[in-house]
Amino acid sequence: MKKIIKILTLLTLILLISNPLQAQTRRERKILFNSQYNYEISPVGVGQDGTKVFKVWGYGKNVGEAVMDAKANAVAACIFKGLPGGGGSAPTPPICGDSGAEVTHADYFERFFAVGGKYLQYIVQTNDADPAGPDRLKIKKGYKVAIYAQVMYDALRRELEANGIARRLDSRF
C-alpha cells in the first residue's frame, strides 16, 4: 500500500512539474489592470424607470479627476460592458453589443467622452460631496474614489441609436 502511495505521489509531482505554469507576468497584469475596459462596478439597487443605479470607481491624480473618471467609467460601462445584477436589479447587457464598436466609431466616442463631453448629461451623481472614508483611497499615483451614480440608461440608448452607434431594440437581428 505504501508503494502505491509513493508511486501516485511521484506521478502527481511529475505531472505538476512537467505542466508549464500559466501565471501572468507583472507586465501582463499591469496591462490588464490599466485597460480602458477595467471598470469596477457594484450594483446598489433599482433606480427609477429608465435609469441604472450603481457604485463605480475612478482613478486620478486628485480627487476631482478621480470623480470625473468614475463618471466616465459609469457611462462607458453601460455602453461597452453592461452592468452586473444584484441589489434587487437584474444584469443589464451593454448598449453596444457589437464588439469593436469603440474602434469603429472612435471619432464619435472621442468627442462623447472628451472633457466636459456629452456623456455628462446622462449621469446623475447621487452623492454631492467628495467621497470620504472607504470610498476615497490614497494610492501610489493619486486617488481611487467611488461614487454612487445614476445613469439615464434609456436616454443614453436613444442617443446612441439616433447616431447609428447602437442597434435599435426593435430592429431585426
N, C-alpha and C. Protein backbone atom coordinates (compact mmCIF):
# COMPACT_ATOMS: atom_id res chain seq x y z
N MET A 1 0.82 -1.19 0.00
CA MET A 1 0.00 0.00 0.00
C MET A 1 0.86 1.25 0.00
N LYS A 2 1.96 1.22 0.76
CA LYS A 2 2.86 2.37 0.83
C LYS A 2 3.53 2.62 -0.52
N LYS A 3 3.82 1.53 -1.25
CA LYS A 3 4.44 1.68 -2.57
C LYS A 3 3.48 2.37 -3.54
N ILE A 4 2.21 2.03 -3.46
CA ILE A 4 1.21 2.63 -4.35
C ILE A 4 1.09 4.13 -4.06
N ILE A 5 1.09 4.49 -2.78
CA ILE A 5 1.00 5.91 -2.41
C ILE A 5 2.23 6.66 -2.89
N LYS A 6 3.42 6.04 -2.75
CA LYS A 6 4.65 6.68 -3.21
C LYS A 6 4.63 6.86 -4.73
N ILE A 7 4.15 5.86 -5.44
CA ILE A 7 4.10 5.93 -6.91
C ILE A 7 3.10 7.01 -7.34
N LEU A 8 1.94 7.04 -6.71
CA LEU A 8 0.94 8.07 -7.05
C LEU A 8 1.46 9.47 -6.73
N THR A 9 2.13 9.62 -5.62
CA THR A 9 2.72 10.91 -5.25
C THR A 9 3.77 11.32 -6.26
N LEU A 10 4.62 10.38 -6.66
CA LEU A 10 5.66 10.66 -7.64
C LEU A 10 5.06 11.04 -8.99
N LEU A 11 4.03 10.33 -9.42
CA LEU A 11 3.37 10.65 -10.68
C LEU A 11 2.70 12.03 -10.63
N THR A 12 2.10 12.34 -9.50
CA THR A 12 1.47 13.66 -9.34
C THR A 12 2.52 14.76 -9.43
N LEU A 13 3.64 14.58 -8.76
CA LEU A 13 4.73 15.58 -8.82
C LEU A 13 5.27 15.73 -10.24
N ILE A 14 5.43 14.64 -10.93
CA ILE A 14 5.93 14.70 -12.31
C ILE A 14 4.95 15.48 -13.19
N LEU A 15 3.65 15.22 -13.04
CA LEU A 15 2.66 15.94 -13.83
C LEU A 15 2.65 17.43 -13.50
N LEU A 16 2.76 17.76 -12.24
CA LEU A 16 2.77 19.16 -11.84
C LEU A 16 3.99 19.89 -12.35
N ILE A 17 5.14 19.24 -12.30
CA ILE A 17 6.38 19.88 -12.75
C ILE A 17 6.42 19.98 -14.26
N SER A 18 5.93 18.98 -14.95
CA SER A 18 6.00 18.99 -16.41
C SER A 18 4.99 19.94 -17.04
N ASN A 19 3.91 20.25 -16.35
CA ASN A 19 2.89 21.17 -16.87
C ASN A 19 3.38 22.61 -16.72
N PRO A 20 3.51 23.35 -17.81
CA PRO A 20 4.00 24.74 -17.68
C PRO A 20 3.01 25.59 -16.90
N LEU A 21 3.54 26.48 -16.10
CA LEU A 21 2.71 27.35 -15.29
C LEU A 21 2.03 28.40 -16.16
N GLN A 22 0.79 28.73 -15.85
CA GLN A 22 0.02 29.68 -16.63
C GLN A 22 -0.10 31.02 -15.93
N ALA A 23 0.82 31.37 -15.08
CA ALA A 23 0.76 32.63 -14.35
C ALA A 23 1.05 33.80 -15.28
N GLN A 24 0.46 34.94 -14.95
CA GLN A 24 0.67 36.15 -15.74
C GLN A 24 1.96 36.83 -15.27
N THR A 25 2.64 37.45 -16.20
CA THR A 25 3.81 38.22 -15.83
C THR A 25 3.33 39.54 -15.22
N ARG A 26 4.21 40.25 -14.58
CA ARG A 26 3.86 41.53 -13.97
C ARG A 26 3.40 42.51 -15.05
N ARG A 27 4.06 42.47 -16.20
CA ARG A 27 3.69 43.35 -17.31
C ARG A 27 2.27 43.07 -17.80
N GLU A 28 1.92 41.78 -17.94
CA GLU A 28 0.58 41.41 -18.38
C GLU A 28 -0.48 41.85 -17.37
N ARG A 29 -0.20 41.68 -16.08
CA ARG A 29 -1.15 42.12 -15.05
C ARG A 29 -1.34 43.63 -15.11
N LYS A 30 -0.25 44.36 -15.33
CA LYS A 30 -0.33 45.82 -15.39
C LYS A 30 -1.16 46.27 -16.60
N ILE A 31 -0.99 45.60 -17.73
CA ILE A 31 -1.76 45.94 -18.93
C ILE A 31 -3.24 45.68 -18.69
N LEU A 32 -3.57 44.54 -18.09
CA LEU A 32 -4.98 44.23 -17.81
C LEU A 32 -5.56 45.19 -16.79
N PHE A 33 -4.79 45.55 -15.77
CA PHE A 33 -5.30 46.45 -14.74
C PHE A 33 -5.56 47.84 -15.31
N ASN A 34 -4.70 48.30 -16.21
CA ASN A 34 -4.84 49.64 -16.77
C ASN A 34 -5.71 49.68 -18.03
N SER A 35 -6.35 48.57 -18.36
CA SER A 35 -7.20 48.51 -19.54
C SER A 35 -8.34 49.51 -19.42
N GLN A 36 -8.71 50.09 -20.55
CA GLN A 36 -9.83 51.03 -20.53
C GLN A 36 -11.17 50.35 -20.28
N TYR A 37 -11.18 49.02 -20.30
CA TYR A 37 -12.42 48.29 -20.05
C TYR A 37 -12.46 47.70 -18.64
N ASN A 38 -11.54 48.09 -17.79
CA ASN A 38 -11.49 47.58 -16.43
C ASN A 38 -12.28 48.52 -15.53
N TYR A 39 -13.60 48.33 -15.49
CA TYR A 39 -14.46 49.16 -14.67
C TYR A 39 -14.80 48.40 -13.39
N GLU A 40 -14.68 49.05 -12.26
CA GLU A 40 -15.08 48.44 -11.00
C GLU A 40 -16.47 48.96 -10.69
N ILE A 41 -17.44 48.06 -10.74
CA ILE A 41 -18.84 48.43 -10.57
C ILE A 41 -19.50 47.47 -9.60
N SER A 42 -20.33 48.01 -8.73
CA SER A 42 -21.16 47.14 -7.90
C SER A 42 -22.57 47.72 -7.88
N PRO A 43 -23.56 46.88 -8.16
CA PRO A 43 -24.94 47.35 -8.17
C PRO A 43 -25.39 47.77 -6.77
N VAL A 44 -26.21 48.81 -6.72
CA VAL A 44 -26.70 49.32 -5.44
C VAL A 44 -28.16 48.98 -5.25
N GLY A 45 -28.93 49.14 -6.29
CA GLY A 45 -30.36 48.88 -6.18
C GLY A 45 -31.04 49.21 -7.49
N VAL A 46 -32.32 49.30 -7.43
CA VAL A 46 -33.12 49.59 -8.61
C VAL A 46 -33.41 51.09 -8.62
N GLY A 47 -33.17 51.72 -9.76
CA GLY A 47 -33.45 53.14 -9.91
C GLY A 47 -34.83 53.37 -10.47
N GLN A 48 -35.12 54.63 -10.77
CA GLN A 48 -36.39 54.96 -11.41
C GLN A 48 -36.42 54.35 -12.80
N ASP A 49 -37.60 54.30 -13.40
CA ASP A 49 -37.72 53.74 -14.74
C ASP A 49 -36.76 54.44 -15.69
N GLY A 50 -36.02 53.65 -16.47
CA GLY A 50 -35.11 54.19 -17.46
C GLY A 50 -33.75 54.56 -16.92
N THR A 51 -33.48 54.25 -15.66
CA THR A 51 -32.17 54.58 -15.08
C THR A 51 -31.55 53.34 -14.46
N LYS A 52 -30.25 53.41 -14.25
CA LYS A 52 -29.50 52.36 -13.55
C LYS A 52 -28.72 53.02 -12.43
N VAL A 53 -28.73 52.42 -11.25
CA VAL A 53 -28.03 52.97 -10.09
C VAL A 53 -26.96 51.98 -9.65
N PHE A 54 -25.73 52.45 -9.51
CA PHE A 54 -24.64 51.59 -9.08
C PHE A 54 -23.49 52.41 -8.53
N LYS A 55 -22.57 51.72 -7.90
CA LYS A 55 -21.36 52.33 -7.35
C LYS A 55 -20.23 52.05 -8.33
N VAL A 56 -19.48 53.07 -8.70
CA VAL A 56 -18.41 52.92 -9.68
C VAL A 56 -17.15 53.62 -9.16
N TRP A 57 -16.00 53.04 -9.47
CA TRP A 57 -14.72 53.57 -9.03
C TRP A 57 -14.00 54.29 -10.16
N GLY A 58 -13.21 55.29 -9.81
CA GLY A 58 -12.39 56.02 -10.78
C GLY A 58 -11.04 56.36 -10.18
N TYR A 59 -10.08 56.67 -11.04
CA TYR A 59 -8.71 56.97 -10.64
C TYR A 59 -8.32 58.35 -11.13
N GLY A 60 -7.46 59.04 -10.37
CA GLY A 60 -6.96 60.33 -10.80
C GLY A 60 -5.86 60.83 -9.89
N LYS A 61 -5.16 61.86 -10.37
CA LYS A 61 -4.08 62.44 -9.57
C LYS A 61 -4.61 63.17 -8.35
N ASN A 62 -5.85 63.69 -8.46
CA ASN A 62 -6.50 64.29 -7.30
C ASN A 62 -7.94 63.77 -7.25
N VAL A 63 -8.65 64.13 -6.21
CA VAL A 63 -10.00 63.60 -6.01
C VAL A 63 -10.94 64.04 -7.14
N GLY A 64 -10.83 65.28 -7.58
CA GLY A 64 -11.68 65.78 -8.65
C GLY A 64 -11.52 65.00 -9.94
N GLU A 65 -10.27 64.72 -10.32
CA GLU A 65 -10.01 63.94 -11.53
C GLU A 65 -10.56 62.52 -11.38
N ALA A 66 -10.40 61.95 -10.19
CA ALA A 66 -10.89 60.60 -9.97
C ALA A 66 -12.42 60.53 -10.05
N VAL A 67 -13.10 61.55 -9.56
CA VAL A 67 -14.56 61.60 -9.64
C VAL A 67 -14.99 61.70 -11.11
N MET A 68 -14.32 62.53 -11.88
CA MET A 68 -14.67 62.66 -13.31
C MET A 68 -14.39 61.35 -14.05
N ASP A 69 -13.31 60.65 -13.68
CA ASP A 69 -13.02 59.36 -14.29
C ASP A 69 -14.10 58.35 -13.93
N ALA A 70 -14.58 58.39 -12.69
CA ALA A 70 -15.64 57.48 -12.27
C ALA A 70 -16.93 57.75 -13.06
N LYS A 71 -17.24 59.01 -13.31
CA LYS A 71 -18.43 59.34 -14.10
C LYS A 71 -18.30 58.79 -15.52
N ALA A 72 -17.14 58.99 -16.12
CA ALA A 72 -16.92 58.46 -17.48
C ALA A 72 -16.99 56.94 -17.47
N ASN A 73 -16.43 56.30 -16.44
CA ASN A 73 -16.48 54.84 -16.33
C ASN A 73 -17.92 54.33 -16.21
N ALA A 74 -18.75 55.07 -15.49
CA ALA A 74 -20.15 54.67 -15.32
C ALA A 74 -20.87 54.63 -16.66
N VAL A 75 -20.71 55.67 -17.46
CA VAL A 75 -21.37 55.72 -18.76
C VAL A 75 -20.74 54.70 -19.71
N ALA A 76 -19.41 54.58 -19.69
CA ALA A 76 -18.73 53.64 -20.58
C ALA A 76 -19.12 52.20 -20.25
N ALA A 77 -19.29 51.88 -18.99
CA ALA A 77 -19.70 50.53 -18.63
C ALA A 77 -21.08 50.21 -19.19
N CYS A 78 -21.99 51.17 -19.15
CA CYS A 78 -23.33 50.97 -19.72
C CYS A 78 -23.25 50.74 -21.23
N ILE A 79 -22.35 51.45 -21.89
CA ILE A 79 -22.26 51.36 -23.35
C ILE A 79 -21.53 50.10 -23.79
N PHE A 80 -20.36 49.80 -23.21
CA PHE A 80 -19.49 48.76 -23.75
C PHE A 80 -19.50 47.43 -23.01
N LYS A 81 -19.75 47.45 -21.71
CA LYS A 81 -19.57 46.23 -20.92
C LYS A 81 -20.85 45.67 -20.33
N GLY A 82 -21.81 46.51 -20.03
CA GLY A 82 -23.02 46.06 -19.36
C GLY A 82 -22.84 46.14 -17.86
N LEU A 83 -23.92 45.89 -17.14
CA LEU A 83 -23.91 46.02 -15.69
C LEU A 83 -24.25 44.69 -15.04
N PRO A 84 -23.57 44.37 -13.93
CA PRO A 84 -23.88 43.13 -13.23
C PRO A 84 -25.19 43.25 -12.47
N GLY A 85 -25.78 42.14 -12.18
CA GLY A 85 -27.00 42.12 -11.39
C GLY A 85 -26.69 42.13 -9.91
N GLY A 86 -27.66 42.47 -9.12
CA GLY A 86 -27.50 42.47 -7.67
C GLY A 86 -28.25 43.64 -7.07
N GLY A 87 -28.44 43.61 -5.78
CA GLY A 87 -29.15 44.68 -5.10
C GLY A 87 -30.59 44.82 -5.57
N GLY A 88 -31.17 43.73 -6.02
CA GLY A 88 -32.55 43.76 -6.50
C GLY A 88 -32.68 44.05 -7.98
N SER A 89 -31.57 44.29 -8.67
CA SER A 89 -31.64 44.57 -10.11
C SER A 89 -31.09 43.40 -10.90
N ALA A 90 -31.59 43.24 -12.10
CA ALA A 90 -31.14 42.17 -12.99
C ALA A 90 -29.91 42.63 -13.77
N PRO A 91 -29.10 41.71 -14.26
CA PRO A 91 -27.96 42.11 -15.10
C PRO A 91 -28.46 42.81 -16.36
N THR A 92 -27.68 43.79 -16.81
CA THR A 92 -28.05 44.57 -17.99
C THR A 92 -26.98 44.41 -19.05
N PRO A 93 -27.35 44.02 -20.27
CA PRO A 93 -26.35 43.87 -21.32
C PRO A 93 -25.86 45.25 -21.79
N PRO A 94 -24.71 45.30 -22.46
CA PRO A 94 -24.22 46.58 -22.95
C PRO A 94 -25.11 47.14 -24.05
N ILE A 95 -25.14 48.46 -24.17
CA ILE A 95 -25.93 49.10 -25.22
C ILE A 95 -25.34 48.77 -26.58
N CYS A 96 -24.02 48.85 -26.71
CA CYS A 96 -23.33 48.49 -27.95
C CYS A 96 -22.84 47.06 -27.80
N GLY A 97 -23.66 46.12 -28.18
CA GLY A 97 -23.29 44.72 -28.07
C GLY A 97 -22.27 44.29 -29.11
N ASP A 98 -22.07 45.09 -30.15
CA ASP A 98 -21.11 44.74 -31.18
C ASP A 98 -19.69 44.91 -30.65
N SER A 99 -18.89 43.86 -30.77
CA SER A 99 -17.50 44.00 -30.34
C SER A 99 -16.78 44.91 -31.34
N GLY A 100 -15.97 45.79 -30.83
CA GLY A 100 -15.23 46.70 -31.68
C GLY A 100 -15.96 47.99 -31.99
N ALA A 101 -17.10 48.25 -31.35
CA ALA A 101 -17.86 49.48 -31.60
C ALA A 101 -17.04 50.70 -31.22
N GLU A 102 -16.22 50.59 -30.16
CA GLU A 102 -15.41 51.73 -29.74
C GLU A 102 -14.33 52.07 -30.76
N VAL A 103 -13.92 51.09 -31.57
CA VAL A 103 -12.93 51.34 -32.61
C VAL A 103 -13.62 51.83 -33.88
N THR A 104 -14.73 51.18 -34.23
CA THR A 104 -15.48 51.54 -35.44
C THR A 104 -15.97 52.99 -35.37
N HIS A 105 -16.42 53.41 -34.21
CA HIS A 105 -16.97 54.76 -34.02
C HIS A 105 -16.06 55.59 -33.12
N ALA A 106 -14.76 55.46 -33.31
CA ALA A 106 -13.78 56.11 -32.43
C ALA A 106 -13.95 57.63 -32.41
N ASP A 107 -14.22 58.25 -33.56
CA ASP A 107 -14.37 59.70 -33.61
C ASP A 107 -15.54 60.16 -32.74
N TYR A 108 -16.65 59.44 -32.84
CA TYR A 108 -17.83 59.80 -32.05
C TYR A 108 -17.53 59.68 -30.56
N PHE A 109 -16.95 58.56 -30.14
CA PHE A 109 -16.69 58.34 -28.72
C PHE A 109 -15.60 59.26 -28.18
N GLU A 110 -14.68 59.66 -29.02
CA GLU A 110 -13.66 60.62 -28.59
C GLU A 110 -14.31 61.95 -28.23
N ARG A 111 -15.24 62.42 -29.05
CA ARG A 111 -15.96 63.66 -28.75
C ARG A 111 -16.92 63.46 -27.57
N PHE A 112 -17.58 62.30 -27.53
CA PHE A 112 -18.57 62.00 -26.50
C PHE A 112 -17.92 61.98 -25.11
N PHE A 113 -16.72 61.38 -24.98
CA PHE A 113 -16.05 61.26 -23.69
C PHE A 113 -14.98 62.33 -23.47
N ALA A 114 -14.96 63.38 -24.27
CA ALA A 114 -14.00 64.47 -24.08
C ALA A 114 -14.30 65.18 -22.75
N VAL A 115 -13.34 65.95 -22.27
CA VAL A 115 -13.54 66.70 -21.04
C VAL A 115 -14.73 67.62 -21.23
N GLY A 116 -15.71 67.50 -20.34
CA GLY A 116 -16.94 68.28 -20.46
C GLY A 116 -17.84 67.78 -21.58
N GLY A 117 -17.63 66.54 -22.02
CA GLY A 117 -18.35 65.98 -23.16
C GLY A 117 -19.80 65.66 -22.86
N LYS A 118 -20.45 65.14 -23.90
CA LYS A 118 -21.88 64.87 -23.85
C LYS A 118 -22.25 63.77 -22.85
N TYR A 119 -21.29 62.92 -22.49
CA TYR A 119 -21.58 61.83 -21.56
C TYR A 119 -22.08 62.36 -20.21
N LEU A 120 -21.70 63.57 -19.85
CA LEU A 120 -22.08 64.13 -18.55
C LEU A 120 -23.58 64.37 -18.42
N GLN A 121 -24.28 64.54 -19.55
CA GLN A 121 -25.71 64.79 -19.44
C GLN A 121 -26.50 63.52 -19.18
N TYR A 122 -25.84 62.35 -19.21
CA TYR A 122 -26.53 61.09 -18.97
C TYR A 122 -26.23 60.51 -17.59
N ILE A 123 -25.51 61.25 -16.77
CA ILE A 123 -25.16 60.74 -15.44
C ILE A 123 -25.59 61.72 -14.38
N VAL A 124 -26.16 61.18 -13.32
CA VAL A 124 -26.55 61.97 -12.17
C VAL A 124 -25.80 61.39 -10.98
N GLN A 125 -24.96 62.17 -10.39
CA GLN A 125 -24.22 61.68 -9.22
C GLN A 125 -25.16 61.76 -8.03
N THR A 126 -25.31 60.67 -7.33
CA THR A 126 -26.27 60.65 -6.23
C THR A 126 -25.68 61.11 -4.90
N ASN A 127 -24.37 61.24 -4.81
CA ASN A 127 -23.77 61.83 -3.61
C ASN A 127 -23.08 63.12 -4.02
N ASP A 128 -23.39 64.23 -3.34
CA ASP A 128 -22.92 65.54 -3.77
C ASP A 128 -21.52 65.89 -3.28
N ALA A 129 -21.13 65.45 -2.11
CA ALA A 129 -19.83 65.80 -1.54
C ALA A 129 -18.74 64.89 -2.13
N ASP A 130 -17.48 65.34 -1.96
CA ASP A 130 -16.38 64.48 -2.37
C ASP A 130 -16.41 63.20 -1.55
N PRO A 131 -16.08 62.08 -2.18
CA PRO A 131 -16.10 60.81 -1.45
C PRO A 131 -15.16 60.85 -0.24
N ALA A 132 -15.55 60.15 0.81
CA ALA A 132 -14.74 60.09 2.03
C ALA A 132 -14.74 58.67 2.56
N GLY A 133 -13.89 58.42 3.53
CA GLY A 133 -13.84 57.11 4.18
C GLY A 133 -13.38 56.03 3.22
N PRO A 134 -14.07 54.89 3.22
CA PRO A 134 -13.64 53.77 2.36
C PRO A 134 -13.86 54.04 0.87
N ASP A 135 -14.61 55.08 0.53
CA ASP A 135 -14.83 55.41 -0.87
C ASP A 135 -13.76 56.36 -1.42
N ARG A 136 -12.77 56.69 -0.61
CA ARG A 136 -11.69 57.58 -1.03
C ARG A 136 -10.37 57.00 -0.54
N LEU A 137 -9.62 56.43 -1.48
CA LEU A 137 -8.37 55.77 -1.12
C LEU A 137 -7.18 56.49 -1.74
N LYS A 138 -6.17 56.73 -0.95
CA LYS A 138 -4.92 57.30 -1.45
C LYS A 138 -4.09 56.15 -1.97
N ILE A 139 -3.69 56.22 -3.23
CA ILE A 139 -2.86 55.19 -3.82
C ILE A 139 -1.55 55.80 -4.28
N LYS A 140 -0.68 54.99 -4.80
CA LYS A 140 0.68 55.42 -5.16
C LYS A 140 0.70 56.64 -6.09
N LYS A 141 -0.15 56.64 -7.10
CA LYS A 141 -0.13 57.72 -8.10
C LYS A 141 -1.31 58.66 -8.00
N GLY A 142 -1.96 58.75 -6.86
CA GLY A 142 -3.09 59.67 -6.72
C GLY A 142 -4.18 59.11 -5.84
N TYR A 143 -5.40 59.11 -6.37
CA TYR A 143 -6.56 58.68 -5.60
C TYR A 143 -7.40 57.69 -6.38
N LYS A 144 -8.07 56.83 -5.62
CA LYS A 144 -9.07 55.91 -6.16
C LYS A 144 -10.33 56.22 -5.36
N VAL A 145 -11.39 56.66 -6.06
CA VAL A 145 -12.61 57.04 -5.37
C VAL A 145 -13.81 56.31 -5.95
N ALA A 146 -14.83 56.16 -5.12
CA ALA A 146 -16.08 55.55 -5.56
C ALA A 146 -17.18 56.58 -5.44
N ILE A 147 -18.06 56.58 -6.44
CA ILE A 147 -19.24 57.44 -6.38
C ILE A 147 -20.47 56.56 -6.61
N TYR A 148 -21.57 57.01 -6.08
CA TYR A 148 -22.85 56.37 -6.36
C TYR A 148 -23.45 57.14 -7.51
N ALA A 149 -23.68 56.45 -8.62
CA ALA A 149 -24.13 57.13 -9.83
C ALA A 149 -25.45 56.58 -10.30
N GLN A 150 -26.22 57.46 -10.91
CA GLN A 150 -27.45 57.06 -11.57
C GLN A 150 -27.30 57.47 -13.02
N VAL A 151 -27.33 56.48 -13.92
CA VAL A 151 -27.18 56.73 -15.35
C VAL A 151 -28.55 56.66 -16.00
N MET A 152 -28.86 57.66 -16.80
CA MET A 152 -30.12 57.67 -17.55
C MET A 152 -29.95 56.75 -18.76
N TYR A 153 -30.14 55.48 -18.50
CA TYR A 153 -29.83 54.41 -19.43
C TYR A 153 -30.67 54.49 -20.71
N ASP A 154 -31.96 54.67 -20.58
CA ASP A 154 -32.83 54.71 -21.76
C ASP A 154 -32.52 55.92 -22.65
N ALA A 155 -32.25 57.07 -22.04
CA ALA A 155 -31.91 58.26 -22.82
C ALA A 155 -30.57 58.07 -23.52
N LEU A 156 -29.63 57.42 -22.85
CA LEU A 156 -28.33 57.13 -23.45
C LEU A 156 -28.49 56.19 -24.64
N ARG A 157 -29.32 55.18 -24.49
CA ARG A 157 -29.58 54.25 -25.60
C ARG A 157 -30.20 54.99 -26.79
N ARG A 158 -31.18 55.86 -26.53
CA ARG A 158 -31.81 56.61 -27.63
C ARG A 158 -30.78 57.48 -28.35
N GLU A 159 -29.89 58.11 -27.60
CA GLU A 159 -28.84 58.95 -28.20
C GLU A 159 -27.95 58.12 -29.13
N LEU A 160 -27.52 56.97 -28.66
CA LEU A 160 -26.63 56.13 -29.47
C LEU A 160 -27.37 55.52 -30.67
N GLU A 161 -28.63 55.20 -30.52
CA GLU A 161 -29.42 54.71 -31.65
C GLU A 161 -29.62 55.80 -32.69
N ALA A 162 -29.89 57.02 -32.25
CA ALA A 162 -30.11 58.14 -33.16
C ALA A 162 -28.86 58.45 -33.98
N ASN A 163 -27.70 58.21 -33.42
CA ASN A 163 -26.45 58.48 -34.12
C ASN A 163 -25.91 57.25 -34.86
N GLY A 164 -26.67 56.16 -34.88
CA GLY A 164 -26.27 54.97 -35.63
C GLY A 164 -25.17 54.17 -34.95
N ILE A 165 -24.95 54.38 -33.68
CA ILE A 165 -23.90 53.66 -32.96
C ILE A 165 -24.43 52.32 -32.45
N ALA A 166 -25.62 52.32 -31.88
CA ALA A 166 -26.24 51.10 -31.34
C ALA A 166 -27.44 50.72 -32.20
N ARG A 167 -27.70 49.42 -32.24
CA ARG A 167 -28.88 48.94 -32.97
C ARG A 167 -30.12 49.18 -32.13
N ARG A 168 -31.20 49.51 -32.81
CA ARG A 168 -32.48 49.69 -32.13
C ARG A 168 -32.95 48.33 -31.61
N LEU A 169 -33.64 48.34 -30.50
CA LEU A 169 -34.15 47.10 -29.93
C LEU A 169 -35.20 46.44 -30.81
N ASP A 170 -35.91 47.23 -31.62
CA ASP A 170 -36.94 46.65 -32.47
C ASP A 170 -36.44 46.31 -33.87
N SER A 171 -35.13 46.43 -34.10
CA SER A 171 -34.57 46.08 -35.41
C SER A 171 -34.35 44.57 -35.49
N ARG A 172 -34.24 44.10 -36.70
CA ARG A 172 -34.01 42.67 -36.92
C ARG A 172 -32.58 42.35 -36.57
N PHE A 173 -32.35 41.06 -36.25
CA PHE A 173 -31.01 40.61 -35.88
C PHE A 173 -30.22 40.53 -37.11
